[in-house]
N, C-alpha and C. Protein backbone atom coordinates (compact mmCIF):
# COMPACT_ATOMS: atom_id res chain seq x y z
N MET A 1 260.56 49.96 194.70
CA MET A 1 260.91 50.42 193.37
C MET A 1 259.84 50.01 192.34
N LYS A 2 259.36 48.77 192.46
CA LYS A 2 258.34 48.30 191.54
C LYS A 2 257.04 49.09 191.71
N ILE A 3 256.71 49.41 192.94
CA ILE A 3 255.48 50.16 193.19
C ILE A 3 255.58 51.55 192.59
N THR A 4 256.73 52.18 192.68
CA THR A 4 256.93 53.52 192.09
C THR A 4 256.76 53.46 190.58
N LEU A 5 257.32 52.45 189.94
CA LEU A 5 257.19 52.31 188.49
C LEU A 5 255.74 52.07 188.09
N ILE A 6 255.04 51.25 188.85
CA ILE A 6 253.63 50.99 188.55
C ILE A 6 252.80 52.26 188.69
N ILE A 7 253.05 53.03 189.74
CA ILE A 7 252.31 54.28 189.95
C ILE A 7 252.60 55.26 188.82
N LEU A 8 253.87 55.40 188.43
CA LEU A 8 254.22 56.30 187.32
C LEU A 8 253.56 55.85 186.01
N PHE A 9 253.52 54.56 185.78
CA PHE A 9 252.88 54.05 184.58
C PHE A 9 251.39 54.37 184.58
N LEU A 10 250.73 54.14 185.70
CA LEU A 10 249.29 54.41 185.79
C LEU A 10 248.99 55.90 185.62
N ILE A 11 249.81 56.76 186.19
CA ILE A 11 249.61 58.21 186.05
C ILE A 11 249.78 58.62 184.60
N SER A 12 250.82 58.13 183.93
CA SER A 12 251.04 58.50 182.54
C SER A 12 249.93 57.98 181.65
N LYS A 13 249.44 56.78 181.92
CA LYS A 13 248.33 56.23 181.13
C LYS A 13 247.06 57.05 181.31
N THR A 14 246.81 57.52 182.53
CA THR A 14 245.65 58.36 182.81
C THR A 14 245.75 59.68 182.07
N LEU A 15 246.93 60.29 182.06
CA LEU A 15 247.10 61.57 181.37
C LEU A 15 246.87 61.43 179.88
N VAL A 16 247.35 60.37 179.29
CA VAL A 16 247.14 60.16 177.85
C VAL A 16 245.66 59.91 177.55
N THR A 17 245.01 59.15 178.39
CA THR A 17 243.60 58.83 178.18
C THR A 17 242.72 60.06 178.23
N PHE A 18 243.00 60.96 179.15
CA PHE A 18 242.14 62.11 179.35
C PHE A 18 242.64 63.37 178.65
N SER A 19 243.65 63.27 177.82
CA SER A 19 244.13 64.46 177.13
C SER A 19 243.12 64.89 176.08
N GLN A 20 242.93 66.19 175.96
CA GLN A 20 241.99 66.76 175.00
C GLN A 20 242.65 67.94 174.30
N THR A 21 242.06 68.31 173.19
CA THR A 21 242.42 69.56 172.56
C THR A 21 241.22 70.49 172.69
N PHE A 22 241.47 71.77 172.56
CA PHE A 22 240.42 72.75 172.72
C PHE A 22 240.35 73.65 171.51
N GLN A 23 239.16 74.10 171.20
CA GLN A 23 238.93 75.07 170.14
C GLN A 23 238.48 76.37 170.82
N PHE A 24 239.08 77.48 170.43
CA PHE A 24 238.82 78.75 171.08
C PHE A 24 238.09 79.70 170.14
N GLU A 25 237.26 80.58 170.71
CA GLU A 25 236.60 81.64 169.96
C GLU A 25 237.10 82.97 170.49
N TYR A 26 237.30 83.93 169.59
CA TYR A 26 237.83 85.24 169.95
C TYR A 26 236.90 86.33 169.46
N ASP A 27 236.89 87.46 170.17
CA ASP A 27 236.13 88.61 169.70
C ASP A 27 237.00 89.44 168.77
N ALA A 28 236.46 90.56 168.26
CA ALA A 28 237.17 91.38 167.28
C ALA A 28 238.46 91.97 167.84
N ALA A 29 238.54 92.17 169.15
CA ALA A 29 239.73 92.74 169.78
C ALA A 29 240.79 91.68 170.06
N GLY A 30 240.48 90.41 169.81
CA GLY A 30 241.44 89.35 170.03
C GLY A 30 241.35 88.70 171.40
N ASN A 31 240.33 89.04 172.16
CA ASN A 31 240.14 88.44 173.48
C ASN A 31 239.42 87.10 173.36
N ARG A 32 239.88 86.12 174.11
CA ARG A 32 239.24 84.81 174.08
C ARG A 32 237.90 84.90 174.80
N ILE A 33 236.83 84.48 174.10
CA ILE A 33 235.50 84.59 174.69
C ILE A 33 234.87 83.23 174.99
N ASN A 34 235.41 82.16 174.39
CA ASN A 34 234.81 80.85 174.61
C ASN A 34 235.84 79.77 174.36
N ARG A 35 235.69 78.64 175.04
CA ARG A 35 236.57 77.49 174.88
C ARG A 35 235.72 76.24 174.80
N HIS A 36 235.95 75.43 173.75
CA HIS A 36 235.19 74.19 173.55
C HIS A 36 236.17 73.02 173.52
N PRO A 37 235.96 72.00 174.35
CA PRO A 37 236.80 70.80 174.23
C PRO A 37 236.44 70.03 172.96
N VAL A 38 237.46 69.52 172.29
CA VAL A 38 237.28 68.74 171.07
C VAL A 38 237.87 67.36 171.33
N PRO A 39 237.08 66.30 171.21
CA PRO A 39 237.63 64.96 171.42
C PRO A 39 238.77 64.70 170.45
N ALA A 40 239.74 63.92 170.86
CA ALA A 40 240.95 63.67 170.08
C ALA A 40 240.63 63.12 168.70
N LYS A 41 239.72 62.17 168.58
CA LYS A 41 239.40 61.59 167.28
C LYS A 41 238.80 62.63 166.34
N GLN A 42 237.95 63.52 166.86
CA GLN A 42 237.33 64.54 166.04
C GLN A 42 238.36 65.58 165.59
N SER A 43 239.32 65.90 166.44
CA SER A 43 240.29 66.92 166.07
C SER A 43 241.12 66.47 164.88
N GLN A 44 241.30 65.16 164.68
CA GLN A 44 242.04 64.67 163.54
C GLN A 44 241.21 64.72 162.27
N GLN A 45 239.91 64.94 162.38
CA GLN A 45 239.05 65.03 161.21
C GLN A 45 239.04 66.44 160.62
N ASN A 46 239.54 67.41 161.36
CA ASN A 46 239.56 68.78 160.86
C ASN A 46 240.51 68.88 159.68
N PRO A 47 240.17 69.67 158.70
CA PRO A 47 241.03 69.79 157.52
C PRO A 47 242.38 70.40 157.84
N GLU A 48 243.40 69.85 157.24
CA GLU A 48 244.71 70.48 157.26
C GLU A 48 244.70 71.47 156.10
N GLU A 49 245.23 72.67 156.34
CA GLU A 49 245.20 73.72 155.31
C GLU A 49 246.60 74.20 154.96
N GLN A 50 246.75 74.54 153.69
CA GLN A 50 247.94 75.26 153.22
C GLN A 50 247.44 76.37 152.32
N LYS A 51 248.07 77.53 152.43
CA LYS A 51 247.69 78.66 151.59
C LYS A 51 248.83 78.96 150.62
N ALA A 52 248.44 79.28 149.40
CA ALA A 52 249.38 79.71 148.37
C ALA A 52 248.77 80.96 147.73
N GLY A 53 249.13 82.12 148.27
CA GLY A 53 248.51 83.36 147.80
C GLY A 53 247.06 83.40 148.20
N ASN A 54 246.16 83.54 147.22
CA ASN A 54 244.72 83.57 147.49
C ASN A 54 244.09 82.19 147.45
N ILE A 55 244.89 81.16 147.20
CA ILE A 55 244.39 79.79 147.07
C ILE A 55 244.57 79.06 148.40
N THR A 56 243.50 78.39 148.85
CA THR A 56 243.55 77.59 150.06
C THR A 56 243.31 76.14 149.69
N ILE A 57 244.18 75.25 150.17
CA ILE A 57 244.05 73.82 149.91
C ILE A 57 243.75 73.14 151.24
N LYS A 58 242.67 72.35 151.27
CA LYS A 58 242.28 71.61 152.47
C LYS A 58 242.32 70.12 152.15
N VAL A 59 242.93 69.35 153.06
CA VAL A 59 243.01 67.90 152.90
C VAL A 59 242.52 67.27 154.20
N PHE A 60 241.56 66.35 154.10
CA PHE A 60 241.02 65.70 155.29
C PHE A 60 240.25 64.44 154.90
N PRO A 61 239.97 63.53 155.80
CA PRO A 61 240.55 63.40 157.14
C PRO A 61 241.94 62.78 157.06
N ASN A 62 242.76 63.09 158.00
CA ASN A 62 244.11 62.54 158.06
C ASN A 62 244.45 62.32 159.51
N PRO A 63 244.58 61.10 159.96
CA PRO A 63 244.61 59.84 159.22
C PRO A 63 243.24 59.41 158.71
N THR A 64 243.25 58.49 157.76
CA THR A 64 242.02 58.04 157.13
C THR A 64 241.93 56.52 157.11
N MET A 65 240.73 56.03 156.94
CA MET A 65 240.51 54.59 156.78
C MET A 65 240.28 54.24 155.31
N ASP A 66 239.72 55.20 154.53
CA ASP A 66 239.36 54.87 153.16
C ASP A 66 239.53 56.02 152.17
N PHE A 67 238.90 57.17 152.40
CA PHE A 67 238.93 58.26 151.43
C PHE A 67 239.64 59.48 151.98
N ILE A 68 240.31 60.20 151.10
CA ILE A 68 240.88 61.51 151.39
C ILE A 68 240.14 62.52 150.52
N LYS A 69 239.71 63.59 151.13
CA LYS A 69 239.02 64.65 150.39
C LYS A 69 239.97 65.84 150.26
N VAL A 70 240.07 66.37 149.05
CA VAL A 70 240.89 67.54 148.77
C VAL A 70 239.98 68.64 148.25
N GLU A 71 240.00 69.80 148.90
CA GLU A 71 239.23 70.96 148.45
C GLU A 71 240.20 72.10 148.16
N ILE A 72 240.01 72.73 147.01
CA ILE A 72 240.84 73.87 146.63
C ILE A 72 239.92 75.07 146.47
N GLU A 73 240.17 76.10 147.28
CA GLU A 73 239.33 77.30 147.26
C GLU A 73 240.12 78.47 146.68
N GLY A 74 239.43 79.32 145.94
CA GLY A 74 240.05 80.51 145.37
C GLY A 74 240.88 80.24 144.14
N LEU A 75 240.60 79.15 143.46
CA LEU A 75 241.36 78.77 142.27
C LEU A 75 240.88 79.56 141.06
N PRO A 76 241.77 80.31 140.38
CA PRO A 76 241.37 81.00 139.15
C PRO A 76 240.96 79.98 138.07
N LYS A 77 240.04 80.38 137.20
CA LYS A 77 239.47 79.45 136.20
C LYS A 77 240.51 78.90 135.24
N ASP A 78 241.55 79.66 134.92
CA ASP A 78 242.53 79.21 133.94
C ASP A 78 243.70 78.46 134.56
N SER A 79 243.62 78.12 135.83
CA SER A 79 244.71 77.42 136.51
C SER A 79 244.71 75.93 136.18
N LYS A 80 245.89 75.35 136.19
CA LYS A 80 246.05 73.91 135.99
C LYS A 80 246.40 73.28 137.33
N VAL A 81 245.70 72.21 137.66
CA VAL A 81 245.92 71.50 138.91
C VAL A 81 246.36 70.08 138.59
N LYS A 82 247.42 69.64 139.25
CA LYS A 82 247.87 68.25 139.12
C LYS A 82 247.90 67.66 140.53
N VAL A 83 247.21 66.54 140.70
CA VAL A 83 247.15 65.85 141.99
C VAL A 83 247.71 64.45 141.77
N GLU A 84 248.67 64.06 142.62
CA GLU A 84 249.23 62.72 142.52
C GLU A 84 249.45 62.14 143.90
N MET A 85 249.28 60.82 144.00
CA MET A 85 249.55 60.09 145.24
C MET A 85 250.65 59.09 144.94
N ILE A 86 251.59 59.01 145.89
CA ILE A 86 252.76 58.14 145.72
C ILE A 86 252.95 57.35 147.01
N ASP A 87 253.29 56.07 146.88
CA ASP A 87 253.62 55.31 148.09
C ASP A 87 255.10 55.54 148.42
N LEU A 88 255.55 55.00 149.53
CA LEU A 88 256.92 55.26 149.97
C LEU A 88 257.98 54.55 149.14
N GLN A 89 257.55 53.65 148.24
CA GLN A 89 258.50 53.03 147.31
C GLN A 89 258.63 53.86 146.02
N GLY A 90 257.87 54.95 145.93
CA GLY A 90 257.95 55.83 144.77
C GLY A 90 256.99 55.48 143.65
N VAL A 91 256.07 54.56 143.91
CA VAL A 91 255.10 54.14 142.88
C VAL A 91 253.91 55.10 142.91
N ARG A 92 253.67 55.76 141.77
CA ARG A 92 252.54 56.66 141.64
C ARG A 92 251.30 55.85 141.30
N PHE A 93 250.28 55.93 142.16
CA PHE A 93 249.06 55.16 141.92
C PHE A 93 247.86 56.05 141.66
N TYR A 94 248.02 57.37 141.75
CA TYR A 94 246.94 58.28 141.38
C TYR A 94 247.57 59.49 140.71
N ASN A 95 247.02 59.88 139.56
CA ASN A 95 247.54 61.04 138.84
C ASN A 95 246.38 61.67 138.07
N ASP A 96 246.13 62.95 138.33
CA ASP A 96 245.04 63.66 137.66
C ASP A 96 245.50 65.07 137.36
N GLU A 97 245.36 65.47 136.11
CA GLU A 97 245.67 66.85 135.71
C GLU A 97 244.40 67.46 135.16
N SER A 98 243.90 68.50 135.85
CA SER A 98 242.66 69.15 135.44
C SER A 98 242.60 70.51 136.12
N ASN A 99 241.43 71.10 136.14
CA ASN A 99 241.25 72.33 136.91
C ASN A 99 240.11 72.15 137.92
N ASN A 100 239.95 70.91 138.42
CA ASN A 100 238.93 70.63 139.42
C ASN A 100 239.29 71.29 140.75
N THR A 101 238.28 71.53 141.56
CA THR A 101 238.51 72.10 142.89
C THR A 101 238.14 71.12 144.00
N LEU A 102 237.65 69.93 143.63
CA LEU A 102 237.25 68.93 144.62
C LEU A 102 237.71 67.55 144.14
N TYR A 103 238.41 66.84 145.01
CA TYR A 103 238.90 65.50 144.70
C TYR A 103 238.54 64.57 145.85
N ASN A 104 238.10 63.36 145.54
CA ASN A 104 237.89 62.30 146.52
C ASN A 104 238.81 61.16 146.12
N LEU A 105 239.85 60.94 146.90
CA LEU A 105 240.84 59.92 146.58
C LEU A 105 240.54 58.66 147.39
N ASP A 106 240.39 57.54 146.71
CA ASP A 106 240.04 56.28 147.34
C ASP A 106 241.30 55.52 147.73
N LEU A 107 241.50 55.35 149.05
CA LEU A 107 242.62 54.57 149.56
C LEU A 107 242.17 53.26 150.19
N SER A 108 240.91 52.89 149.97
CA SER A 108 240.36 51.72 150.65
C SER A 108 241.06 50.42 150.26
N ARG A 109 241.62 50.35 149.08
CA ARG A 109 242.30 49.13 148.64
C ARG A 109 243.79 49.16 148.94
N LYS A 110 244.26 50.22 149.53
CA LYS A 110 245.68 50.33 149.88
C LYS A 110 245.90 49.82 151.29
N SER A 111 247.08 49.31 151.53
CA SER A 111 247.39 48.81 152.87
C SER A 111 247.69 49.99 153.80
N ALA A 112 247.61 49.72 155.09
CA ALA A 112 247.89 50.75 156.08
C ALA A 112 249.34 51.21 155.94
N GLY A 113 249.55 52.51 156.10
CA GLY A 113 250.90 53.05 155.99
C GLY A 113 250.87 54.52 155.67
N VAL A 114 252.01 55.02 155.22
CA VAL A 114 252.18 56.44 154.90
C VAL A 114 252.24 56.60 153.39
N TYR A 115 251.53 57.60 152.89
CA TYR A 115 251.51 57.91 151.47
C TYR A 115 251.79 59.41 151.30
N LEU A 116 252.27 59.78 150.13
CA LEU A 116 252.58 61.17 149.84
C LEU A 116 251.57 61.71 148.83
N LEU A 117 250.97 62.84 149.17
CA LEU A 117 250.04 63.52 148.28
C LEU A 117 250.73 64.79 147.81
N ASN A 118 250.88 64.93 146.51
CA ASN A 118 251.50 66.11 145.91
C ASN A 118 250.45 66.84 145.10
N ILE A 119 250.31 68.13 145.35
CA ILE A 119 249.35 68.95 144.62
C ILE A 119 250.14 70.10 143.99
N PHE A 120 250.03 70.21 142.66
CA PHE A 120 250.71 71.27 141.93
C PHE A 120 249.65 72.20 141.34
N ILE A 121 249.74 73.48 141.66
CA ILE A 121 248.83 74.47 141.08
C ILE A 121 249.67 75.40 140.25
N ASP A 122 249.44 75.36 138.94
CA ASP A 122 250.25 76.11 137.98
C ASP A 122 251.74 75.86 138.20
N GLY A 123 252.08 74.61 138.48
CA GLY A 123 253.47 74.20 138.65
C GLY A 123 254.04 74.42 140.03
N LYS A 124 253.32 75.09 140.91
CA LYS A 124 253.83 75.34 142.27
C LYS A 124 253.36 74.21 143.19
N PRO A 125 254.31 73.53 143.85
CA PRO A 125 253.95 72.33 144.61
C PRO A 125 253.54 72.60 146.06
N THR A 126 252.66 71.75 146.56
CA THR A 126 252.41 71.59 147.99
C THR A 126 252.48 70.10 148.26
N TYR A 127 253.03 69.74 149.40
CA TYR A 127 253.26 68.34 149.73
C TYR A 127 252.54 68.00 151.03
N TRP A 128 251.97 66.79 151.05
CA TRP A 128 251.20 66.32 152.21
C TRP A 128 251.60 64.90 152.54
N LYS A 129 251.66 64.60 153.83
CA LYS A 129 251.88 63.22 154.29
C LYS A 129 250.52 62.69 154.73
N ILE A 130 250.07 61.61 154.11
CA ILE A 130 248.77 61.01 154.41
C ILE A 130 249.00 59.68 155.13
N ILE A 131 248.27 59.48 156.21
CA ILE A 131 248.38 58.24 156.98
C ILE A 131 247.11 57.43 156.76
N LYS A 132 247.29 56.20 156.29
CA LYS A 132 246.18 55.25 156.07
C LYS A 132 246.21 54.26 157.23
N GLU A 133 245.10 54.21 157.96
CA GLU A 133 245.01 53.27 159.10
C GLU A 133 244.48 51.93 158.66
């Protein structure tokens, strides 16, 4: 019985160690033409995206050690943007209201944990969960 448990543990550990994600390329007809393995750490560096009409919001890297970068594409010039970061106790430690399209949020002085990033564009909210390692 002990040997079976040890073997199952070793197999599961091997599967987790060698797990990868893949990035695919497609032609115009939708056929897959190429496959690239992406190391697990790099795949977490890819921007997370949310779309709101013609506006695209990218937040990366997540999880992070120090900085979070926010990029807003397709923002009309007269739009108002509000960016705020809140910890899980509800304390707001970052608040900016402007029409910027690029933000670098410094989390280097914050302890490891989960934080909430709220982005409002003309009053319409998008919500993000940010993990600080």
